[in-house]
């Protein structure tokens, strides 16, 4: 409502999450009363799910369409199968039959496992209502954490790149950069008993980044900061652990206590729960570009004023299924120098803040994000953007978004990791953009391995750390991320100004 510029009294209809469950409906009723106060007493509330069922990830989109039609037609849809009043659910739920409702403003709620909550505000076409101009602010980097085959911390990754340390570790008989995890003191043995490694790594990396930024975190903390989580392979390890007994022994072998780990946004929810983050919570998955996408989305949320601080965390774990998938695709590196992808595990967390928020608490600023670009080039039957078309568009869009020219760029952090078809395409795109004025190029994944969805976040963290110690007049750095399916994301960041450095 704040971002839409509407007051509680303006809202005439609310499309509730309305699952019809004993826990959700009373909790949502309380939330509506907390948000709208006395205005909730005259509000029409109904559940689309009562009519069409729960569409899971598609529910929010479908219910937004229903809400838009409710505004356009002046009709509040009904709540089907309504059995009567409940002392814990004491709003007007439009029981059984639709009815007229004249309002210019409606809300649509959606909730998910892991504590993810979203509310969409819609206004009737022709009402003349417009949201206020956003309170724009710069977005700065104040904390970093890197976990991977090289060890714990940005310095460990930098040192491994410097000495070209070979990948060590093995998964399913294949050379893979594995990650050693020490969850203490962030998670007790009891707390992590039903967590998969994806979740454990994400919590540890996020906690370390928040500590690096000197922002409070912990289960007893109520922080307004949020989390945007990126992953490529997702909870594949948890899916296998849940599904294999089910397939082998039947339904009786299903472990309901393990099932929540199979949901993509579970890791983000656990990070928020264990670190006390109460701001926006979102999960994105764009393959190898997931980490960069998480940073781009976090940048937008902060710049537009949705929150004051976020931790953008990207994690992927490599198990035997991941190894098999990349081997079957013909992309897996089996020996050094075979022009394929050397896989690695990794968890990278980056704390972003609105500049005014960071300045108000005298935070150390490492760098500033000034723009990003995203593009896709899909050719049927082709696994990668082999022409570099999407990468070129993403780089140009990032420069335009950040108000920079190719000649301004001081460093290009490549997505290159050893897969020749992708690396050559990226080089062609860079050559077309920069011509004879090629900036310094860095390809850390050629040493550290390809950490799947954490790739873009890894290169971004190393670029931010590099800029943190650079001369303030150093030109901006451009960070590339590419993925299977033709997706490319480029991020532009610059040094912090003298006023920002603490």
Protein backbone atom coordinates (compact mmCIF):
# COMPACT_ATOMS: atom_id res chain seq x y z
CA UNK A 1 0.00 0.00 0.00
CA UNK A 2 2.86 2.37 0.76
CA UNK A 3 4.48 1.82 -2.59
CA UNK A 4 1.13 2.11 -4.38
CA UNK A 5 0.24 5.32 -2.53
CA UNK A 6 -3.06 4.00 -1.18
CA UNK A 7 -4.57 4.04 2.30
CA UNK A 8 -6.33 1.12 4.01
CA UNK A 9 -9.69 2.84 3.58
CA UNK A 10 -9.15 2.90 -0.20
CA UNK A 11 -9.06 -0.89 -0.47
CA UNK A 12 -12.45 -2.41 -1.26
CA UNK A 13 -11.54 -5.96 -2.22
CA UNK A 14 -8.80 -8.41 -1.22
CA UNK A 15 -8.08 -11.71 -2.97
CA UNK A 16 -6.75 -13.78 -0.10
CA UNK A 17 -4.19 -16.56 -0.19
CA UNK A 18 -7.10 -18.52 1.29
CA UNK A 19 -5.95 -22.14 1.30
CA UNK A 20 -8.73 -23.24 3.64
CA UNK A 21 -6.24 -24.69 6.13
CA UNK A 22 -6.38 -24.38 9.90
CA UNK A 23 -3.09 -22.51 10.12
CA UNK A 24 -3.12 -20.29 7.04
CA UNK A 25 -6.57 -18.74 7.19
CA UNK A 26 -6.47 -17.48 10.82
CA UNK A 27 -2.92 -16.18 10.28
CA UNK A 28 -3.96 -14.34 7.10
CA UNK A 29 -6.99 -12.88 8.86
CA UNK A 30 -4.73 -11.51 11.59
CA UNK A 31 -2.36 -10.09 8.99
CA UNK A 32 -5.19 -8.34 7.15
CA UNK A 33 -6.41 -6.77 10.39
CA UNK A 34 -2.89 -5.67 11.33
CA UNK A 35 -2.34 -4.06 7.94
CA UNK A 36 -5.74 -2.44 7.39
CA UNK A 37 -6.91 -1.80 10.93
CA UNK A 38 -10.55 -0.69 11.18
CA UNK A 39 -10.84 -0.63 7.39
CA UNK A 40 -10.74 -4.44 7.44
CA UNK A 41 -14.27 -4.50 8.88
CA UNK A 42 -15.78 -3.25 5.61
CA UNK A 43 -13.50 -5.20 3.30
CA UNK A 44 -14.68 -7.92 0.90
CA UNK A 45 -12.27 -10.87 1.04
CA UNK A 46 -12.48 -14.05 -1.01
CA UNK A 47 -10.40 -17.08 -2.02
CA UNK A 48 -9.84 -17.92 -5.68
CA UNK A 49 -8.30 -21.22 -4.55
CA UNK A 50 -11.67 -22.29 -3.18
CA UNK A 51 -12.90 -22.37 -6.79
CA UNK A 52 -9.91 -23.40 -8.92
CA UNK A 53 -7.66 -25.09 -6.36
CA UNK A 54 -4.06 -24.28 -5.43
CA UNK A 55 -1.91 -23.74 -8.52
CA UNK A 56 1.29 -23.63 -6.44
CA UNK A 57 3.83 -21.40 -8.19
CA UNK A 58 1.23 -20.20 -10.68
CA UNK A 59 -1.30 -19.26 -7.99
CA UNK A 60 -0.18 -15.66 -7.63
CA UNK A 61 -0.35 -14.98 -11.36
CA UNK A 62 -3.81 -16.56 -11.73
CA UNK A 63 -5.17 -14.73 -8.70
CA UNK A 64 -3.78 -11.41 -9.93
CA UNK A 65 -5.80 -11.92 -13.12
CA UNK A 66 -8.93 -12.65 -11.10
CA UNK A 67 -8.31 -9.55 -8.99
CA UNK A 68 -7.86 -7.39 -12.10
CA UNK A 69 -11.15 -8.70 -13.51
CA UNK A 70 -12.87 -8.07 -10.19
CA UNK A 71 -11.84 -4.41 -10.41
CA UNK A 72 -12.80 -4.11 -14.07
CA UNK A 73 -16.21 -5.76 -13.64
CA UNK A 74 -17.04 -4.38 -10.22
CA UNK A 75 -17.67 -7.87 -8.85
CA UNK A 76 -16.17 -9.60 -5.82
CA UNK A 77 -15.69 -13.32 -6.64
CA UNK A 78 -17.09 -15.74 -4.09
CA UNK A 79 -15.47 -18.06 -1.59
CA UNK A 80 -16.83 -21.48 -2.54
CA UNK A 81 -17.71 -24.17 0.01
CA UNK A 82 -17.91 -21.63 2.82
CA UNK A 83 -19.32 -23.47 5.84
CA UNK A 84 -19.96 -20.60 8.23
CA UNK A 85 -18.23 -18.15 10.55
CA UNK A 86 -15.15 -19.03 12.55
CA UNK A 87 -14.02 -17.11 15.62
CA UNK A 88 -10.48 -16.88 14.23
CA UNK A 89 -11.66 -15.88 10.75
CA UNK A 90 -14.03 -12.98 11.31
CA UNK A 91 -13.91 -11.02 8.04
CA UNK A 92 -16.43 -10.80 5.20
CA UNK A 93 -15.40 -13.71 2.96
CA UNK A 94 -18.08 -13.23 0.23
CA UNK A 95 -19.58 -16.66 0.92
CA UNK A 96 -20.95 -18.86 -1.88
CA UNK A 97 -22.16 -16.14 -4.29
CA UNK A 98 -20.36 -13.30 -6.06
CA UNK A 99 -21.62 -9.79 -5.40
CA UNK A 100 -21.12 -6.26 -6.70
CA UNK A 101 -18.27 -4.25 -5.27
CA UNK A 102 -17.32 -0.74 -6.37
CA UNK A 103 -13.72 0.08 -5.55
CA UNK A 104 -10.70 1.56 -7.24
CA UNK A 105 -8.19 -0.47 -5.26
CA UNK A 106 -7.74 -4.18 -4.60
CA UNK A 107 -5.03 -6.32 -3.03
CA UNK A 108 -3.96 -9.87 -3.82
CA UNK A 109 -2.09 -11.96 -1.24
CA UNK A 110 0.20 -14.92 -1.79
CA UNK A 111 2.24 -16.85 0.74
CA UNK A 112 4.63 -19.78 0.44
CA UNK A 113 6.70 -22.31 2.34
CA UNK A 114 9.68 -20.77 4.03
CA UNK A 115 7.87 -17.62 5.13
CA UNK A 116 7.72 -15.94 1.71
CA UNK A 117 4.89 -13.41 1.62
CA UNK A 118 3.83 -11.17 -1.24
CA UNK A 119 1.03 -8.66 -1.72
CA UNK A 120 0.13 -7.05 -5.04
CA UNK A 121 -1.80 -3.75 -5.16
CA UNK A 122 -3.96 -3.14 -8.23
CA UNK A 123 -5.99 -0.07 -9.19
CA UNK A 124 -8.95 0.13 -11.56
CA UNK A 125 -8.22 1.39 -15.05
CA UNK A 126 -9.62 4.88 -15.48
CA UNK A 127 -9.55 5.63 -11.76
CA UNK A 128 -6.79 8.20 -12.24
CA UNK A 129 -4.75 6.67 -9.45
CA UNK A 130 -1.00 6.54 -9.95
CA UNK A 131 1.68 5.33 -7.56
CA UNK A 132 3.99 8.00 -6.16
CA UNK A 133 7.40 8.44 -7.77
CA UNK A 134 9.83 6.00 -6.14
CA UNK A 135 12.38 7.31 -3.68
CA UNK A 136 15.43 6.31 -5.71
CA UNK A 137 18.78 5.78 -4.07
CA UNK A 138 22.15 4.32 -5.04
CA UNK A 139 22.87 0.70 -4.09
CA UNK A 140 26.17 -0.15 -2.42
CA UNK A 141 28.01 -3.31 -1.42
CA UNK A 142 28.83 -3.56 2.28
CA UNK A 143 29.50 -7.25 2.95
CA UNK A 144 30.91 -10.31 1.18
CA UNK A 145 31.26 -14.02 1.89
CA UNK A 146 32.64 -16.72 -0.39
CA UNK A 147 32.61 -20.45 0.37
CA UNK A 148 34.03 -22.85 -2.17
CA UNK A 149 36.78 -25.32 -3.07
CA UNK A 150 39.45 -22.70 -2.29
CA UNK A 151 38.19 -22.39 1.28
CA UNK A 152 36.45 -19.71 3.32
CA UNK A 153 36.57 -16.08 2.27
CA UNK A 154 37.29 -13.79 -0.64
CA UNK A 155 41.02 -13.80 0.15
CA UNK A 156 41.17 -17.59 -0.13
CA UNK A 157 39.56 -17.46 -3.57
CA UNK A 158 41.87 -14.66 -4.68
CA UNK A 159 44.92 -16.58 -3.49
CA UNK A 160 43.80 -19.76 -5.28
CA UNK A 161 43.36 -17.83 -8.53
CA UNK A 162 46.75 -16.18 -8.08
CA UNK A 163 48.59 -19.49 -7.74
CA UNK A 164 46.32 -21.35 -10.19
CA UNK A 165 45.49 -23.97 -7.58
CA UNK A 166 44.10 -27.18 -9.13
CA UNK A 167 40.63 -28.37 -8.19
CA UNK A 168 40.60 -31.11 -5.58
CA UNK A 169 37.71 -33.32 -4.68
CA UNK A 170 35.65 -35.97 -6.39
CA UNK A 171 31.96 -36.70 -6.89
CA UNK A 172 30.78 -39.92 -8.58
CA UNK A 173 34.33 -40.63 -9.70
CA UNK A 174 34.73 -37.25 -11.41
CA UNK A 175 37.01 -34.35 -10.53
CA UNK A 176 34.80 -31.71 -8.85
CA UNK A 177 35.69 -28.74 -6.69
CA UNK A 178 33.99 -29.73 -3.44
CA UNK A 179 33.26 -27.40 -0.55
CA UNK A 180 34.07 -28.09 3.10
CA UNK A 181 31.38 -26.69 5.40
CA UNK A 182 31.77 -25.73 9.04
CA UNK A 183 28.29 -24.78 10.26
CA UNK A 184 29.43 -23.82 13.75
CA UNK A 185 28.59 -21.43 15.36
CA UNK A 186 25.79 -20.52 12.97
CA UNK A 187 23.79 -23.74 13.26
CA UNK A 188 23.61 -26.29 16.05
CA UNK A 189 23.57 -30.00 15.30
CA UNK A 190 19.88 -30.09 16.23
CA UNK A 191 19.02 -27.13 13.98
CA UNK A 192 20.63 -28.70 10.91
CA UNK A 193 19.39 -32.22 11.50
CA UNK A 194 16.72 -31.92 8.81
CA UNK A 195 18.54 -29.48 6.53
CA UNK A 196 20.18 -30.34 3.24
CA UNK A 197 23.67 -29.04 2.39
CA UNK A 198 22.19 -26.37 0.10
CA UNK A 199 20.41 -24.82 3.06
CA UNK A 200 23.30 -25.18 5.49
CA UNK A 201 25.77 -23.56 3.09
CA UNK A 202 23.35 -20.72 2.36
CA UNK A 203 22.81 -19.94 6.03
CA UNK A 204 26.54 -20.00 6.77
CA UNK A 205 27.47 -17.79 3.81
CA UNK A 206 24.64 -15.33 4.53
CA UNK A 207 25.61 -15.08 8.20
CA UNK A 208 29.24 -14.44 7.28
CA UNK A 209 28.31 -11.73 4.79
CA UNK A 210 26.03 -9.98 7.28
CA UNK A 211 28.81 -10.13 9.87
CA UNK A 212 31.23 -8.70 7.31
CA UNK A 213 28.76 -5.84 6.77
CA UNK A 214 28.35 -5.47 10.55
CA UNK A 215 24.60 -5.96 10.30
CA UNK A 216 22.87 -7.89 13.11
CA UNK A 217 21.62 -11.40 12.43
CA UNK A 218 20.41 -14.38 14.41
CA UNK A 219 17.24 -16.20 15.39
CA UNK A 220 16.58 -13.66 18.16
CA UNK A 221 17.00 -10.68 15.80
CA UNK A 222 14.14 -8.84 14.06
CA UNK A 223 15.99 -7.34 11.09
CA UNK A 224 14.18 -5.43 8.32
CA UNK A 225 16.76 -6.77 5.86
CA UNK A 226 15.66 -9.37 3.32
CA UNK A 227 17.16 -12.10 1.16
CA UNK A 228 17.18 -12.82 -2.55
CA UNK A 229 18.39 -16.36 -3.17
CA UNK A 230 19.70 -17.75 -6.44
CA UNK A 231 20.34 -21.38 -7.36
CA UNK A 232 20.83 -23.24 -10.62
CA UNK A 233 20.50 -26.94 -9.80
CA UNK A 234 18.35 -26.18 -6.77
CA UNK A 235 17.66 -28.71 -3.99
CA UNK A 236 18.57 -31.65 -6.21
CA UNK A 237 20.25 -33.47 -3.32
CA UNK A 238 17.11 -33.16 -1.19
CA UNK A 239 14.88 -34.22 -4.07
CA UNK A 240 16.91 -37.38 -4.54
CA UNK A 241 16.89 -38.22 -0.84
CA UNK A 242 13.10 -37.81 -0.72
CA UNK A 243 12.28 -39.50 -4.04
CA UNK A 244 14.57 -42.52 -4.14
CA UNK A 245 12.99 -44.37 -1.17
CA UNK A 246 9.56 -43.44 -2.51
CA UNK A 247 10.28 -45.03 -5.87
CA UNK A 248 11.97 -48.08 -4.39
CA UNK A 249 9.59 -48.87 -1.52
CA UNK A 250 6.35 -47.01 -2.20
CA UNK A 251 4.44 -44.24 -0.46
CA UNK A 252 5.13 -45.57 3.03
CA UNK A 253 8.80 -44.70 2.59
CA UNK A 254 8.12 -41.00 2.05
CA UNK A 255 9.65 -38.81 4.75
CA UNK A 256 7.33 -35.84 5.35
CA UNK A 257 9.92 -34.18 7.55
CA UNK A 258 12.37 -34.06 4.66
CA UNK A 259 9.87 -32.95 2.00
CA UNK A 260 10.12 -29.16 2.67
CA UNK A 261 13.76 -29.28 1.56
CA UNK A 262 12.62 -30.22 -1.95
CA UNK A 263 10.93 -26.84 -2.44
CA UNK A 264 13.11 -24.30 -4.24
CA UNK A 265 12.52 -21.44 -1.82
CA UNK A 266 13.14 -23.50 1.32
CA UNK A 267 16.78 -22.40 1.59
CA UNK A 268 15.85 -18.71 1.46
CA UNK A 269 13.17 -19.25 4.07
CA UNK A 270 15.59 -21.02 6.39
CA UNK A 271 18.14 -18.22 5.96
CA UNK A 272 15.47 -15.67 6.87
CA UNK A 273 14.26 -17.72 9.84
CA UNK A 274 17.66 -18.51 11.36
CA UNK A 275 19.18 -15.07 10.75
CA UNK A 276 16.14 -13.02 11.72
CA UNK A 277 15.58 -11.41 8.31
CA UNK A 278 12.07 -9.97 8.01
CA UNK A 279 12.31 -8.09 4.72
CA UNK A 280 11.58 -9.35 1.19
CA UNK A 281 12.33 -13.02 0.59
CA UNK A 282 12.61 -14.27 -2.99
CA UNK A 283 14.19 -17.15 -4.89
CA UNK A 284 15.31 -16.96 -8.51
CA UNK A 285 16.67 -19.64 -10.83
CA UNK A 286 18.16 -18.83 -14.21
CA UNK A 287 20.70 -21.62 -14.40
CA UNK A 288 24.33 -20.50 -14.25
CA UNK A 289 23.15 -16.87 -14.24
CA UNK A 290 21.10 -17.27 -11.04
CA UNK A 291 23.55 -15.47 -8.76
CA UNK A 292 23.80 -12.50 -11.12
CA UNK A 293 20.00 -12.46 -11.46
CA UNK A 294 19.64 -12.40 -7.67
CA UNK A 295 21.96 -9.39 -7.49
CA UNK A 296 20.09 -7.60 -10.28
CA UNK A 297 16.73 -8.21 -8.60
CA UNK A 298 18.12 -7.13 -5.24
CA UNK A 299 19.47 -3.97 -6.86
CA UNK A 300 16.01 -3.13 -8.21
CA UNK A 301 14.28 -3.78 -4.87
CA UNK A 302 16.71 -1.52 -3.02
CA UNK A 303 16.93 1.23 -5.60
CA UNK A 304 13.13 1.53 -5.73
CA UNK A 305 12.79 1.62 -1.95
CA UNK A 306 11.19 -1.76 -1.22
CA UNK A 307 13.67 -2.25 1.63
CA UNK A 308 16.88 -0.81 3.08
CA UNK A 309 19.20 -3.83 3.02
CA UNK A 310 19.38 -7.28 1.44
CA UNK A 311 21.68 -10.26 1.40
CA UNK A 312 21.88 -11.76 -2.07
CA UNK A 313 23.00 -15.37 -1.70
CA UNK A 314 23.69 -17.92 -4.44
CA UNK A 315 24.41 -21.57 -3.72
CA UNK A 316 24.74 -24.83 -5.61
CA UNK A 317 25.78 -28.29 -4.44
CA UNK A 318 27.17 -30.90 -6.82
CA UNK A 319 26.00 -34.47 -6.28
CA UNK A 320 25.98 -37.59 -8.46
CA UNK A 321 22.82 -36.47 -10.30
CA UNK A 322 24.37 -33.13 -11.26
CA UNK A 323 27.50 -34.91 -12.45
CA UNK A 324 25.43 -37.34 -14.50
CA UNK A 325 23.37 -34.55 -16.07
CA UNK A 326 26.40 -32.56 -17.21
CA UNK A 327 28.14 -35.70 -18.43
CA UNK A 328 25.08 -36.69 -20.48
CA UNK A 329 24.98 -33.19 -21.99
CA UNK A 330 28.61 -33.56 -23.04
CA UNK A 331 29.58 -30.50 -20.97
CA UNK A 332 31.41 -32.10 -18.05
CA UNK A 333 35.17 -31.75 -17.79
CA UNK A 334 36.77 -35.11 -17.07
CA UNK A 335 40.41 -34.06 -17.42
CA UNK A 336 42.06 -30.62 -17.14
CA UNK A 337 42.20 -28.75 -20.44
CA UNK A 338 39.51 -30.76 -22.26
CA UNK A 339 37.56 -27.56 -23.09
CA UNK A 340 34.54 -28.47 -20.96
CA UNK A 341 33.15 -27.32 -17.63
CA UNK A 342 35.03 -28.24 -14.44
CA UNK A 343 32.17 -28.29 -11.93
CA UNK A 344 32.49 -26.89 -8.42
CA UNK A 345 30.34 -26.29 -5.39
CA UNK A 346 29.96 -22.83 -3.97
CA UNK A 347 27.97 -20.46 -1.81
CA UNK A 348 28.44 -16.72 -2.19
CA UNK A 349 26.62 -13.99 -0.26
CA UNK A 350 26.68 -10.25 -0.98
CA UNK A 351 25.12 -7.63 1.29
CA UNK A 352 23.57 -4.71 -0.60
CA UNK A 353 22.19 -1.56 0.99
CA UNK A 354 20.65 1.70 -0.03
CA UNK A 355 23.44 4.25 0.16
CA UNK A 356 21.63 6.48 2.67
CA UNK A 357 21.10 3.49 4.96
CA UNK A 358 24.77 2.55 4.79
CA UNK A 359 25.86 6.14 5.41
CA UNK A 360 23.50 6.51 8.38
CA UNK A 361 25.23 3.64 10.18
CA UNK A 362 28.73 4.65 9.00
CA UNK A 363 29.13 1.37 7.14
CA UNK A 364 32.22 0.45 5.15
CA UNK A 365 31.30 0.60 1.47
CA UNK A 366 33.19 -1.73 -0.87
CA UNK A 367 31.65 -0.74 -4.20
CA UNK A 368 28.47 0.54 -5.81
CA UNK A 369 26.23 -1.19 -8.36
CA UNK A 370 25.35 1.27 -11.08
CA UNK A 371 23.42 -0.89 -13.52
CA UNK A 372 22.74 -4.27 -15.06
CA UNK A 373 21.57 -5.83 -18.29
CA UNK A 374 19.89 -9.13 -19.11
CA UNK A 375 19.29 -10.79 -22.46
CA UNK A 376 18.55 -14.16 -24.01
CA UNK A 377 19.44 -15.72 -27.33
CA UNK A 378 17.83 -19.11 -27.81
CA UNK A 379 18.44 -21.28 -30.85
CA UNK A 380 16.47 -24.56 -30.99
CA UNK A 381 18.72 -27.53 -30.33
CA UNK A 382 21.64 -25.39 -29.13
CA UNK A 383 22.64 -25.49 -25.46
CA UNK A 384 24.45 -22.13 -25.24
CA UNK A 385 24.47 -18.63 -26.73
CA UNK A 386 27.12 -19.76 -29.21
CA UNK A 387 27.24 -16.47 -31.09
CA UNK A 388 27.57 -14.27 -28.00
CA UNK A 389 24.52 -12.27 -29.08
CA UNK A 390 22.85 -12.28 -25.66
CA UNK A 391 26.13 -11.55 -23.88
CA UNK A 392 26.75 -8.56 -26.12
CA UNK A 393 23.24 -7.21 -25.52
CA UNK A 394 23.52 -7.73 -21.77
CA UNK A 395 26.84 -5.88 -21.59
CA UNK A 396 25.52 -2.96 -23.64
CA UNK A 397 22.37 -2.78 -21.52
CA UNK A 398 24.40 -2.75 -18.30
CA UNK A 399 26.58 0.09 -19.58
CA UNK A 400 23.53 2.08 -20.70
CA UNK A 401 21.79 1.47 -17.37
CA UNK A 402 24.88 2.70 -15.51
CA UNK A 403 25.50 5.66 -17.79
CA UNK A 404 28.92 4.38 -18.90
CA UNK A 405 30.71 3.91 -22.20
CA UNK A 406 32.84 0.90 -23.18
CA UNK A 407 35.97 3.07 -22.96
CA UNK A 408 35.19 3.80 -19.29
CA UNK A 409 35.43 0.15 -18.21
CA UNK A 410 38.63 -0.76 -16.38
CA UNK A 411 38.00 -4.50 -15.85
CA UNK A 412 35.92 -7.21 -17.48
CA UNK A 413 35.14 -10.22 -15.29
CA UNK A 414 34.42 -13.03 -17.70
CA UNK A 415 31.99 -15.90 -17.30
CA UNK A 416 34.62 -18.10 -18.97
CA UNK A 417 35.21 -21.37 -17.13
CA UNK A 418 36.74 -23.67 -19.72
CA UNK A 419 33.80 -24.62 -21.97
CA UNK A 420 35.28 -23.58 -25.31
CA UNK A 421 32.00 -22.96 -27.16
CA UNK A 422 30.79 -20.55 -24.48
CA UNK A 423 34.17 -18.93 -23.81
CA UNK A 424 34.73 -18.19 -27.49
CA UNK A 425 31.27 -16.67 -27.83
CA UNK A 426 31.92 -14.40 -24.85
CA UNK A 427 35.27 -13.33 -26.30
CA UNK A 428 33.62 -12.44 -29.62
CA UNK A 429 30.98 -10.38 -27.82
CA UNK A 430 33.66 -8.57 -25.80
CA UNK A 431 35.74 -7.90 -28.91
CA UNK A 432 32.71 -6.46 -30.71
CA UNK A 433 31.97 -4.17 -27.76
CA UNK A 434 35.44 -2.99 -26.80
CA UNK A 435 37.39 -3.32 -30.04
CA UNK A 436 41.01 -2.19 -29.62
CA UNK A 437 40.33 -0.78 -26.14
CA UNK A 438 39.90 -4.05 -24.32
CA UNK A 439 39.94 -3.63 -20.52
CA UNK A 440 41.83 -5.91 -18.16
CA UNK A 441 40.19 -9.33 -18.25
CA UNK A 442 39.72 -11.72 -15.34
CA UNK A 443 38.50 -15.32 -15.59
CA UNK A 444 38.56 -16.67 -12.01
CA UNK A 445 36.33 -19.65 -12.81
CA UNK A 446 39.02 -21.05 -15.11
CA UNK A 447 40.81 -21.86 -11.84
CA UNK A 448 38.04 -22.06 -9.24
CA UNK A 449 35.69 -24.15 -11.38
CA UNK A 450 32.10 -23.57 -12.46
CA UNK A 451 29.87 -23.25 -9.35
CA UNK A 452 26.66 -23.33 -11.41
CA UNK A 453 24.16 -20.78 -10.07
CA UNK A 454 26.74 -19.19 -7.78
CA UNK A 455 28.94 -18.26 -10.76
CA UNK A 456 27.86 -14.66 -11.29
CA UNK A 457 27.84 -13.91 -7.57
CA UNK A 458 31.37 -15.32 -7.26
CA UNK A 459 32.77 -13.08 -10.00
CA UNK A 460 30.82 -10.12 -8.61
CA UNK A 461 32.24 -10.65 -5.11
CA UNK A 462 35.80 -10.81 -6.46
CA UNK A 463 35.22 -7.70 -8.56
CA UNK A 464 33.79 -5.79 -5.59
CA UNK A 465 36.73 -6.82 -3.41
CA UNK A 466 39.11 -5.68 -6.14
CA UNK A 467 37.41 -2.28 -6.44
CA UNK A 468 37.42 -1.85 -2.66
CA UNK A 469 41.20 -1.48 -2.72
CA UNK A 470 41.45 0.35 -6.06
CA UNK A 471 42.10 4.03 -6.64
CA UNK A 472 38.76 5.90 -6.41
CA UNK A 473 39.28 7.15 -9.97
CA UNK A 474 39.43 3.60 -11.34
CA UNK A 475 36.83 2.99 -14.03
CA UNK A 476 33.85 0.69 -13.49
CA UNK A 477 34.03 -3.10 -13.68
CA UNK A 478 31.71 -5.20 -15.82
CA UNK A 479 30.81 -8.69 -14.58
CA UNK A 480 29.38 -11.27 -16.99
CA UNK A 481 27.29 -14.34 -16.32
CA UNK A 482 26.11 -16.85 -18.95
CA UNK A 483 23.96 -19.94 -18.74
CA UNK A 484 22.61 -22.95 -20.52
CA UNK A 485 19.51 -21.90 -22.40
CA UNK A 486 21.09 -18.71 -23.74
CA UNK A 487 20.56 -16.42 -20.73
CA UNK A 488 23.14 -13.70 -20.04
CA UNK A 489 23.33 -11.14 -17.24
CA UNK A 490 25.92 -8.38 -16.90
CA UNK A 491 26.43 -6.23 -13.80
CA UNK A 492 28.20 -2.88 -13.68
CA UNK A 493 29.87 -1.69 -10.49
CA UNK A 494 32.22 1.13 -9.58
CA UNK A 495 34.45 2.21 -6.75
CA UNK A 496 32.92 3.87 -3.72
CA UNK A 497 33.35 7.64 -3.55
CA UNK A 498 35.48 9.25 -0.83
CA UNK A 499 32.31 10.25 1.04
CA UNK A 500 31.11 6.63 1.17
CA UNK A 501 34.29 5.02 2.43
CA UNK A 502 34.44 4.58 6.20
